[in-house]
Amino acid sequence: MSIQNAIGPRPVPPDYLVGYLDTLAMVERLHRLLLDVIKDEFERVGVLEINAVQALLLFNVGDNEVTAGELKSRGYYQGSNVSYNLKKLVEMGFMHHERCEIDRRSVRVRLTQKGREIRDIVAGLFERQSEGIESRNVMDFGTMESVNGSLRRLERYWTDQIRYIY
């Protein structure tokens, strides 16, 4: 047992807590803004039958065949029910679905041609945005890599908190 464990955790400096809370708020705001950017793009091109969360689901499925559980683990769909949105996307013809042969409880989904068209719109939007971010010097590649590394470490910390409650 270390001396640190024997005396308990060290207090967090108040500035660190303020910074952490600012990071939490920023992550939440950025996700909402991403959904707004997708919504605006769809309004611009005249796609009104699906929402931004559904479009992001289609983008994340890509050319794969996945389960709802796999989609949940790949992306965060704020304020949404992945199963409900998948059902709506199947009903609207953006996705095919079929029961898994091995585990009949599991349903696998893949994009239809209509779904691939939506995925391509989102992919084009993200490509234009990445070009704009780079050309306007919003963030250089090294900074983006550093931010991504920090967010991955935060994700890993939160995942560990869920799995191994300290």
N, C-alpha and C. Protein backbone atom coordinates (compact mmCIF):
# COMPACT_ATOMS: atom_id res chain seq x y z
N MET A 1 0.85 -1.18 0.00
CA MET A 1 0.00 0.00 0.00
C MET A 1 0.89 1.23 0.00
N SER A 2 0.63 2.16 -0.90
CA SER A 2 1.44 3.37 -0.96
C SER A 2 1.00 4.36 0.10
N ILE A 3 1.87 5.30 0.38
CA ILE A 3 1.53 6.36 1.34
C ILE A 3 0.33 7.15 0.85
N GLN A 4 0.26 7.41 -0.47
CA GLN A 4 -0.85 8.17 -1.03
C GLN A 4 -2.18 7.47 -0.77
N ASN A 5 -2.24 6.14 -0.94
CA ASN A 5 -3.46 5.39 -0.69
C ASN A 5 -3.84 5.42 0.79
N ALA A 6 -2.84 5.42 1.64
CA ALA A 6 -3.10 5.41 3.08
C ALA A 6 -3.71 6.72 3.55
N ILE A 7 -3.33 7.83 2.93
CA ILE A 7 -3.87 9.13 3.38
C ILE A 7 -5.07 9.59 2.55
N GLY A 8 -5.42 8.81 1.53
CA GLY A 8 -6.59 9.15 0.71
C GLY A 8 -6.20 9.94 -0.52
N PRO A 9 -7.18 10.20 -1.36
CA PRO A 9 -6.88 10.92 -2.60
C PRO A 9 -6.50 12.37 -2.31
N ARG A 10 -5.64 12.89 -3.15
CA ARG A 10 -5.25 14.29 -2.97
C ARG A 10 -6.37 15.18 -3.50
N PRO A 11 -6.55 16.33 -2.91
CA PRO A 11 -7.63 17.22 -3.38
C PRO A 11 -7.33 17.76 -4.78
N VAL A 12 -8.39 17.90 -5.56
CA VAL A 12 -8.26 18.43 -6.92
C VAL A 12 -8.21 19.95 -6.83
N PRO A 13 -7.24 20.57 -7.51
CA PRO A 13 -7.21 22.05 -7.50
C PRO A 13 -8.50 22.60 -8.11
N PRO A 14 -9.05 23.67 -7.55
CA PRO A 14 -10.32 24.23 -8.06
C PRO A 14 -10.25 24.57 -9.55
N ASP A 15 -9.11 25.05 -10.03
CA ASP A 15 -8.99 25.38 -11.45
C ASP A 15 -9.14 24.14 -12.33
N TYR A 16 -8.67 23.00 -11.84
CA TYR A 16 -8.76 21.77 -12.61
C TYR A 16 -10.22 21.34 -12.74
N LEU A 17 -10.97 21.44 -11.65
CA LEU A 17 -12.40 21.10 -11.70
C LEU A 17 -13.13 22.02 -12.67
N VAL A 18 -12.82 23.30 -12.65
CA VAL A 18 -13.45 24.25 -13.58
C VAL A 18 -13.12 23.86 -15.02
N GLY A 19 -11.87 23.51 -15.28
CA GLY A 19 -11.47 23.09 -16.62
C GLY A 19 -12.18 21.82 -17.06
N TYR A 20 -12.32 20.86 -16.14
CA TYR A 20 -13.01 19.61 -16.46
C TYR A 20 -14.48 19.87 -16.79
N LEU A 21 -15.14 20.69 -16.01
CA LEU A 21 -16.54 21.02 -16.27
C LEU A 21 -16.69 21.76 -17.60
N ASP A 22 -15.72 22.60 -17.94
CA ASP A 22 -15.73 23.29 -19.23
C ASP A 22 -15.59 22.28 -20.37
N THR A 23 -14.72 21.28 -20.20
CA THR A 23 -14.55 20.23 -21.21
C THR A 23 -15.85 19.45 -21.40
N LEU A 24 -16.51 19.09 -20.30
CA LEU A 24 -17.78 18.37 -20.40
C LEU A 24 -18.81 19.18 -21.17
N ALA A 25 -18.93 20.45 -20.85
CA ALA A 25 -19.90 21.31 -21.53
C ALA A 25 -19.55 21.45 -23.01
N MET A 26 -18.26 21.56 -23.31
CA MET A 26 -17.83 21.72 -24.71
C MET A 26 -18.13 20.47 -25.52
N VAL A 27 -17.88 19.29 -24.97
CA VAL A 27 -18.18 18.04 -25.69
C VAL A 27 -19.67 17.97 -26.00
N GLU A 28 -20.49 18.30 -25.04
CA GLU A 28 -21.94 18.27 -25.25
C GLU A 28 -22.37 19.29 -26.31
N ARG A 29 -21.84 20.52 -26.23
CA ARG A 29 -22.19 21.55 -27.22
C ARG A 29 -21.73 21.17 -28.62
N LEU A 30 -20.53 20.61 -28.72
CA LEU A 30 -20.01 20.22 -30.04
C LEU A 30 -20.88 19.15 -30.68
N HIS A 31 -21.36 18.20 -29.89
CA HIS A 31 -22.23 17.17 -30.46
C HIS A 31 -23.53 17.78 -30.95
N ARG A 32 -24.12 18.67 -30.17
CA ARG A 32 -25.37 19.32 -30.62
C ARG A 32 -25.13 20.15 -31.88
N LEU A 33 -23.99 20.85 -31.93
CA LEU A 33 -23.66 21.64 -33.12
C LEU A 33 -23.45 20.75 -34.34
N LEU A 34 -22.82 19.61 -34.16
CA LEU A 34 -22.64 18.67 -35.27
C LEU A 34 -24.00 18.28 -35.83
N LEU A 35 -24.94 17.95 -34.96
CA LEU A 35 -26.28 17.59 -35.44
C LEU A 35 -26.93 18.77 -36.17
N ASP A 36 -26.73 19.99 -35.70
CA ASP A 36 -27.27 21.17 -36.38
C ASP A 36 -26.63 21.37 -37.75
N VAL A 37 -25.33 21.13 -37.86
CA VAL A 37 -24.62 21.26 -39.14
C VAL A 37 -25.19 20.25 -40.14
N ILE A 38 -25.41 19.03 -39.69
CA ILE A 38 -25.98 18.00 -40.58
C ILE A 38 -27.39 18.39 -40.98
N LYS A 39 -28.19 18.86 -40.03
CA LYS A 39 -29.57 19.28 -40.32
C LYS A 39 -29.58 20.40 -41.36
N ASP A 40 -28.70 21.38 -41.19
CA ASP A 40 -28.62 22.49 -42.15
C ASP A 40 -28.23 22.01 -43.55
N GLU A 41 -27.30 21.06 -43.61
CA GLU A 41 -26.88 20.51 -44.91
C GLU A 41 -28.06 19.82 -45.59
N PHE A 42 -28.82 19.07 -44.83
CA PHE A 42 -29.97 18.36 -45.41
C PHE A 42 -31.04 19.35 -45.88
N GLU A 43 -31.25 20.41 -45.14
CA GLU A 43 -32.21 21.43 -45.59
C GLU A 43 -31.71 22.07 -46.88
N ARG A 44 -30.39 22.31 -46.96
CA ARG A 44 -29.79 22.94 -48.16
C ARG A 44 -29.98 22.07 -49.39
N VAL A 45 -29.85 20.74 -49.24
CA VAL A 45 -29.96 19.85 -50.40
C VAL A 45 -31.37 19.28 -50.57
N GLY A 46 -32.28 19.67 -49.70
CA GLY A 46 -33.68 19.27 -49.84
C GLY A 46 -34.03 17.88 -49.34
N VAL A 47 -33.23 17.35 -48.41
CA VAL A 47 -33.54 16.06 -47.79
C VAL A 47 -34.24 16.36 -46.47
N LEU A 48 -35.54 16.10 -46.42
CA LEU A 48 -36.30 16.48 -45.24
C LEU A 48 -36.93 15.29 -44.52
N GLU A 49 -36.78 14.09 -45.08
CA GLU A 49 -37.49 12.95 -44.50
C GLU A 49 -36.77 12.28 -43.34
N ILE A 50 -35.48 12.56 -43.13
CA ILE A 50 -34.79 11.97 -41.98
C ILE A 50 -34.13 13.07 -41.17
N ASN A 51 -33.86 12.76 -39.90
CA ASN A 51 -33.24 13.76 -39.04
C ASN A 51 -31.73 13.54 -38.97
N ALA A 52 -31.04 14.45 -38.29
CA ALA A 52 -29.58 14.42 -38.24
C ALA A 52 -29.06 13.18 -37.52
N VAL A 53 -29.73 12.75 -36.46
CA VAL A 53 -29.30 11.55 -35.75
C VAL A 53 -29.40 10.33 -36.66
N GLN A 54 -30.48 10.23 -37.40
CA GLN A 54 -30.64 9.11 -38.33
C GLN A 54 -29.57 9.15 -39.42
N ALA A 55 -29.26 10.34 -39.91
CA ALA A 55 -28.22 10.48 -40.93
C ALA A 55 -26.86 10.05 -40.38
N LEU A 56 -26.58 10.42 -39.14
CA LEU A 56 -25.32 10.02 -38.52
C LEU A 56 -25.26 8.50 -38.33
N LEU A 57 -26.38 7.90 -38.00
CA LEU A 57 -26.44 6.44 -37.92
C LEU A 57 -26.09 5.82 -39.27
N LEU A 58 -26.68 6.33 -40.35
CA LEU A 58 -26.40 5.81 -41.69
C LEU A 58 -24.92 5.98 -42.03
N PHE A 59 -24.36 7.13 -41.69
CA PHE A 59 -22.94 7.37 -41.95
C PHE A 59 -22.08 6.36 -41.20
N ASN A 60 -22.43 6.10 -39.95
CA ASN A 60 -21.62 5.19 -39.13
C ASN A 60 -21.77 3.73 -39.53
N VAL A 61 -22.89 3.37 -40.14
CA VAL A 61 -23.04 2.00 -40.66
C VAL A 61 -22.12 1.84 -41.87
N GLY A 62 -22.11 2.84 -42.73
CA GLY A 62 -21.24 2.78 -43.90
C GLY A 62 -21.53 1.57 -44.75
N ASP A 63 -20.49 0.87 -45.16
CA ASP A 63 -20.63 -0.31 -46.01
C ASP A 63 -20.70 -1.60 -45.19
N ASN A 64 -20.84 -1.47 -43.88
CA ASN A 64 -20.84 -2.64 -43.00
C ASN A 64 -22.24 -3.19 -42.76
N GLU A 65 -22.28 -4.38 -42.24
CA GLU A 65 -23.51 -4.97 -41.73
C GLU A 65 -23.30 -5.08 -40.23
N VAL A 66 -24.15 -4.41 -39.43
CA VAL A 66 -23.90 -4.30 -37.99
C VAL A 66 -25.17 -4.57 -37.18
N THR A 67 -24.99 -4.74 -35.88
CA THR A 67 -26.12 -4.85 -34.96
C THR A 67 -26.35 -3.50 -34.29
N ALA A 68 -27.49 -3.34 -33.65
CA ALA A 68 -27.77 -2.11 -32.92
C ALA A 68 -26.73 -1.89 -31.83
N GLY A 69 -26.34 -2.95 -31.16
CA GLY A 69 -25.32 -2.84 -30.11
C GLY A 69 -24.00 -2.31 -30.63
N GLU A 70 -23.61 -2.79 -31.80
CA GLU A 70 -22.36 -2.30 -32.39
C GLU A 70 -22.46 -0.82 -32.73
N LEU A 71 -23.62 -0.40 -33.21
CA LEU A 71 -23.80 1.02 -33.53
C LEU A 71 -23.73 1.89 -32.28
N LYS A 72 -24.35 1.42 -31.20
CA LYS A 72 -24.31 2.17 -29.95
C LYS A 72 -22.88 2.37 -29.48
N SER A 73 -22.06 1.34 -29.66
CA SER A 73 -20.68 1.44 -29.19
C SER A 73 -19.82 2.30 -30.11
N ARG A 74 -20.22 2.47 -31.36
CA ARG A 74 -19.43 3.27 -32.32
C ARG A 74 -19.71 4.75 -32.24
N GLY A 75 -20.90 5.12 -31.84
CA GLY A 75 -21.25 6.53 -31.86
C GLY A 75 -22.19 6.87 -30.75
N TYR A 76 -22.26 8.13 -30.45
CA TYR A 76 -23.14 8.62 -29.40
C TYR A 76 -24.26 9.39 -30.06
N TYR A 77 -25.47 8.97 -29.79
CA TYR A 77 -26.63 9.58 -30.43
C TYR A 77 -27.46 10.27 -29.36
N GLN A 78 -27.08 11.50 -29.07
CA GLN A 78 -27.65 12.26 -27.97
C GLN A 78 -29.17 12.33 -28.05
N GLY A 79 -29.80 12.01 -26.94
CA GLY A 79 -31.24 12.14 -26.84
C GLY A 79 -32.00 11.24 -27.79
N SER A 80 -31.39 10.13 -28.19
CA SER A 80 -32.06 9.28 -29.17
C SER A 80 -32.05 7.83 -28.72
N ASN A 81 -32.96 7.09 -29.27
CA ASN A 81 -33.05 5.67 -29.03
C ASN A 81 -32.60 4.99 -30.33
N VAL A 82 -31.46 4.32 -30.29
CA VAL A 82 -30.89 3.73 -31.50
C VAL A 82 -31.86 2.72 -32.11
N SER A 83 -32.45 1.86 -31.28
CA SER A 83 -33.37 0.85 -31.81
C SER A 83 -34.57 1.49 -32.51
N TYR A 84 -35.12 2.55 -31.92
CA TYR A 84 -36.25 3.25 -32.53
C TYR A 84 -35.83 3.84 -33.89
N ASN A 85 -34.68 4.50 -33.92
CA ASN A 85 -34.23 5.12 -35.17
C ASN A 85 -33.91 4.07 -36.23
N LEU A 86 -33.35 2.95 -35.84
CA LEU A 86 -33.10 1.89 -36.82
C LEU A 86 -34.42 1.38 -37.40
N LYS A 87 -35.41 1.20 -36.54
CA LYS A 87 -36.72 0.74 -37.01
C LYS A 87 -37.31 1.74 -38.02
N LYS A 88 -37.22 3.03 -37.72
CA LYS A 88 -37.73 4.06 -38.63
C LYS A 88 -36.96 4.05 -39.95
N LEU A 89 -35.65 3.88 -39.89
CA LEU A 89 -34.84 3.87 -41.11
C LEU A 89 -35.18 2.66 -41.98
N VAL A 90 -35.48 1.53 -41.36
CA VAL A 90 -35.92 0.35 -42.12
C VAL A 90 -37.27 0.64 -42.76
N GLU A 91 -38.21 1.19 -41.98
CA GLU A 91 -39.55 1.50 -42.50
C GLU A 91 -39.49 2.48 -43.66
N MET A 92 -38.56 3.44 -43.62
CA MET A 92 -38.46 4.46 -44.68
C MET A 92 -37.61 3.99 -45.86
N GLY A 93 -37.05 2.78 -45.77
CA GLY A 93 -36.31 2.22 -46.89
C GLY A 93 -34.84 2.61 -46.97
N PHE A 94 -34.28 3.10 -45.87
CA PHE A 94 -32.86 3.47 -45.86
C PHE A 94 -31.97 2.31 -45.45
N MET A 95 -32.57 1.27 -44.82
CA MET A 95 -31.81 0.12 -44.34
C MET A 95 -32.57 -1.17 -44.58
N HIS A 96 -31.79 -2.24 -44.77
CA HIS A 96 -32.31 -3.61 -44.77
C HIS A 96 -32.04 -4.15 -43.37
N HIS A 97 -32.87 -5.08 -42.92
CA HIS A 97 -32.57 -5.75 -41.66
C HIS A 97 -32.91 -7.23 -41.77
N GLU A 98 -32.18 -8.03 -41.02
CA GLU A 98 -32.49 -9.46 -40.97
C GLU A 98 -31.97 -10.01 -39.65
N ARG A 99 -32.69 -11.00 -39.16
CA ARG A 99 -32.31 -11.67 -37.91
C ARG A 99 -31.02 -12.46 -38.14
N CYS A 100 -30.18 -12.42 -37.14
CA CYS A 100 -28.94 -13.20 -37.17
C CYS A 100 -29.28 -14.68 -37.10
N GLU A 101 -28.66 -15.49 -37.95
CA GLU A 101 -28.93 -16.93 -37.98
C GLU A 101 -28.56 -17.61 -36.67
N ILE A 102 -27.48 -17.20 -36.05
CA ILE A 102 -26.99 -17.83 -34.82
C ILE A 102 -27.78 -17.38 -33.60
N ASP A 103 -27.91 -16.07 -33.43
CA ASP A 103 -28.64 -15.51 -32.28
C ASP A 103 -29.89 -14.82 -32.81
N ARG A 104 -31.01 -15.48 -32.77
CA ARG A 104 -32.26 -14.97 -33.35
C ARG A 104 -32.74 -13.69 -32.69
N ARG A 105 -32.21 -13.35 -31.50
CA ARG A 105 -32.60 -12.10 -30.84
C ARG A 105 -31.92 -10.90 -31.50
N SER A 106 -30.81 -11.14 -32.13
CA SER A 106 -29.99 -10.09 -32.72
C SER A 106 -30.43 -9.80 -34.16
N VAL A 107 -30.51 -8.52 -34.48
CA VAL A 107 -30.88 -8.09 -35.83
C VAL A 107 -29.68 -7.37 -36.43
N ARG A 108 -29.33 -7.73 -37.65
CA ARG A 108 -28.24 -7.07 -38.37
C ARG A 108 -28.85 -6.14 -39.41
N VAL A 109 -28.22 -4.98 -39.57
CA VAL A 109 -28.71 -3.99 -40.53
C VAL A 109 -27.60 -3.61 -41.50
N ARG A 110 -28.02 -3.19 -42.70
CA ARG A 110 -27.09 -2.65 -43.70
C ARG A 110 -27.86 -1.63 -44.53
N LEU A 111 -27.12 -0.77 -45.20
CA LEU A 111 -27.75 0.31 -45.96
C LEU A 111 -28.34 -0.19 -47.27
N THR A 112 -29.45 0.42 -47.66
CA THR A 112 -30.00 0.24 -49.00
C THR A 112 -29.32 1.29 -49.89
N GLN A 113 -29.65 1.28 -51.15
CA GLN A 113 -29.12 2.32 -52.05
C GLN A 113 -29.53 3.70 -51.55
N LYS A 114 -30.77 3.83 -51.12
CA LYS A 114 -31.27 5.10 -50.58
C LYS A 114 -30.45 5.52 -49.35
N GLY A 115 -30.11 4.58 -48.51
CA GLY A 115 -29.28 4.86 -47.33
C GLY A 115 -27.87 5.25 -47.70
N ARG A 116 -27.32 4.61 -48.74
CA ARG A 116 -25.97 4.96 -49.19
C ARG A 116 -25.93 6.38 -49.75
N GLU A 117 -27.01 6.82 -50.37
CA GLU A 117 -27.07 8.19 -50.88
C GLU A 117 -26.99 9.20 -49.73
N ILE A 118 -27.69 8.91 -48.64
CA ILE A 118 -27.63 9.80 -47.47
C ILE A 118 -26.24 9.76 -46.86
N ARG A 119 -25.68 8.55 -46.73
CA ARG A 119 -24.32 8.43 -46.20
C ARG A 119 -23.35 9.26 -47.02
N ASP A 120 -23.50 9.26 -48.35
CA ASP A 120 -22.61 10.01 -49.22
C ASP A 120 -22.76 11.52 -49.02
N ILE A 121 -23.97 11.99 -48.75
CA ILE A 121 -24.18 13.41 -48.47
C ILE A 121 -23.42 13.81 -47.21
N VAL A 122 -23.55 12.99 -46.16
CA VAL A 122 -22.85 13.28 -44.90
C VAL A 122 -21.34 13.19 -45.10
N ALA A 123 -20.87 12.19 -45.83
CA ALA A 123 -19.44 12.06 -46.09
C ALA A 123 -18.91 13.28 -46.85
N GLY A 124 -19.67 13.75 -47.83
CA GLY A 124 -19.26 14.95 -48.57
C GLY A 124 -19.20 16.17 -47.68
N LEU A 125 -20.19 16.31 -46.79
CA LEU A 125 -20.19 17.41 -45.82
C LEU A 125 -18.94 17.36 -44.95
N PHE A 126 -18.63 16.18 -44.40
CA PHE A 126 -17.46 16.05 -43.53
C PHE A 126 -16.17 16.32 -44.30
N GLU A 127 -16.11 15.92 -45.56
CA GLU A 127 -14.91 16.18 -46.35
C GLU A 127 -14.74 17.69 -46.57
N ARG A 128 -15.82 18.38 -46.93
CA ARG A 128 -15.75 19.84 -47.12
C ARG A 128 -15.37 20.54 -45.82
N GLN A 129 -15.92 20.07 -44.71
CA GLN A 129 -15.58 20.68 -43.43
C GLN A 129 -14.10 20.48 -43.09
N SER A 130 -13.58 19.28 -43.31
CA SER A 130 -12.17 19.05 -43.00
C SER A 130 -11.28 19.93 -43.86
N GLU A 131 -11.64 20.12 -45.13
CA GLU A 131 -10.87 21.01 -46.00
C GLU A 131 -10.95 22.45 -45.50
N GLY A 132 -12.15 22.88 -45.08
CA GLY A 132 -12.31 24.25 -44.57
C GLY A 132 -11.55 24.48 -43.28
N ILE A 133 -11.57 23.52 -42.39
CA ILE A 133 -10.84 23.64 -41.12
C ILE A 133 -9.35 23.77 -41.38
N GLU A 134 -8.85 22.96 -42.33
CA GLU A 134 -7.42 23.01 -42.65
C GLU A 134 -7.06 24.30 -43.38
N SER A 135 -7.85 24.69 -44.38
CA SER A 135 -7.49 25.86 -45.18
C SER A 135 -7.63 27.18 -44.42
N ARG A 136 -8.50 27.21 -43.44
CA ARG A 136 -8.69 28.44 -42.62
C ARG A 136 -7.85 28.43 -41.35
N ASN A 137 -6.99 27.43 -41.23
CA ASN A 137 -6.12 27.31 -40.06
C ASN A 137 -6.89 27.28 -38.74
N VAL A 138 -8.06 26.66 -38.75
CA VAL A 138 -8.83 26.51 -37.51
C VAL A 138 -8.08 25.60 -36.55
N MET A 139 -7.51 24.53 -37.11
CA MET A 139 -6.75 23.58 -36.30
C MET A 139 -5.81 22.83 -37.22
N ASP A 140 -4.51 22.82 -36.88
CA ASP A 140 -3.58 22.05 -37.71
C ASP A 140 -3.65 20.58 -37.33
N PHE A 141 -3.05 19.74 -38.16
CA PHE A 141 -3.15 18.30 -37.97
C PHE A 141 -2.57 17.86 -36.63
N GLY A 142 -1.45 18.44 -36.24
CA GLY A 142 -0.82 18.08 -34.97
C GLY A 142 -1.73 18.39 -33.79
N THR A 143 -2.37 19.55 -33.82
CA THR A 143 -3.30 19.91 -32.75
C THR A 143 -4.48 18.96 -32.73
N MET A 144 -4.99 18.62 -33.93
CA MET A 144 -6.13 17.70 -34.00
C MET A 144 -5.74 16.34 -33.41
N GLU A 145 -4.55 15.86 -33.73
CA GLU A 145 -4.08 14.59 -33.18
C GLU A 145 -3.98 14.67 -31.65
N SER A 146 -3.50 15.79 -31.15
CA SER A 146 -3.36 15.97 -29.70
C SER A 146 -4.73 15.99 -29.01
N VAL A 147 -5.69 16.72 -29.60
CA VAL A 147 -7.04 16.77 -29.06
C VAL A 147 -7.67 15.38 -29.08
N ASN A 148 -7.53 14.68 -30.21
CA ASN A 148 -8.08 13.32 -30.32
C ASN A 148 -7.47 12.39 -29.30
N GLY A 149 -6.17 12.50 -29.08
CA GLY A 149 -5.51 11.66 -28.07
C GLY A 149 -6.05 11.94 -26.67
N SER A 150 -6.23 13.21 -26.37
CA SER A 150 -6.78 13.59 -25.06
C SER A 150 -8.20 13.07 -24.89
N LEU A 151 -9.01 13.20 -25.93
CA LEU A 151 -10.40 12.71 -25.85
C LEU A 151 -10.45 11.18 -25.74
N ARG A 152 -9.53 10.48 -26.40
CA ARG A 152 -9.48 9.02 -26.27
C ARG A 152 -9.13 8.61 -24.84
N ARG A 153 -8.18 9.34 -24.23
CA ARG A 153 -7.83 9.03 -22.84
C ARG A 153 -9.00 9.30 -21.91
N LEU A 154 -9.75 10.37 -22.16
CA LEU A 154 -10.93 10.66 -21.36
C LEU A 154 -11.99 9.57 -21.56
N GLU A 155 -12.18 9.14 -22.80
CA GLU A 155 -13.12 8.05 -23.09
C GLU A 155 -12.72 6.78 -22.34
N ARG A 156 -11.44 6.46 -22.38
CA ARG A 156 -10.95 5.26 -21.70
C ARG A 156 -11.17 5.38 -20.18
N TYR A 157 -10.92 6.56 -19.62
CA TYR A 157 -11.14 6.79 -18.19
C TYR A 157 -12.61 6.59 -17.83
N TRP A 158 -13.51 7.19 -18.62
CA TRP A 158 -14.95 7.05 -18.34
C TRP A 158 -15.38 5.59 -18.48
N THR A 159 -14.87 4.90 -19.50
CA THR A 159 -15.22 3.49 -19.70
C THR A 159 -14.76 2.67 -18.50
N ASP A 160 -13.56 2.95 -18.02
CA ASP A 160 -13.06 2.24 -16.83
C ASP A 160 -13.94 2.55 -15.61
N GLN A 161 -14.44 3.77 -15.51
CA GLN A 161 -15.29 4.13 -14.39
C GLN A 161 -16.58 3.30 -14.39
N ILE A 162 -17.10 3.06 -15.58
CA ILE A 162 -18.34 2.29 -15.71
C ILE A 162 -18.08 0.82 -15.40
N ARG A 163 -17.00 0.29 -15.93
CA ARG A 163 -16.70 -1.13 -15.77
C ARG A 163 -16.19 -1.49 -14.38
N TYR A 164 -15.35 -0.63 -13.83
CA TYR A 164 -14.66 -0.95 -12.57
C TYR A 164 -14.89 0.17 -11.58
N ILE A 165 -16.04 0.22 -11.01
CA ILE A 165 -16.36 1.30 -10.07
C ILE A 165 -15.34 1.26 -8.93
N TYR A 166 -14.64 2.36 -8.77
CA TYR A 166 -13.56 2.44 -7.79
C TYR A 166 -14.12 2.56 -6.40
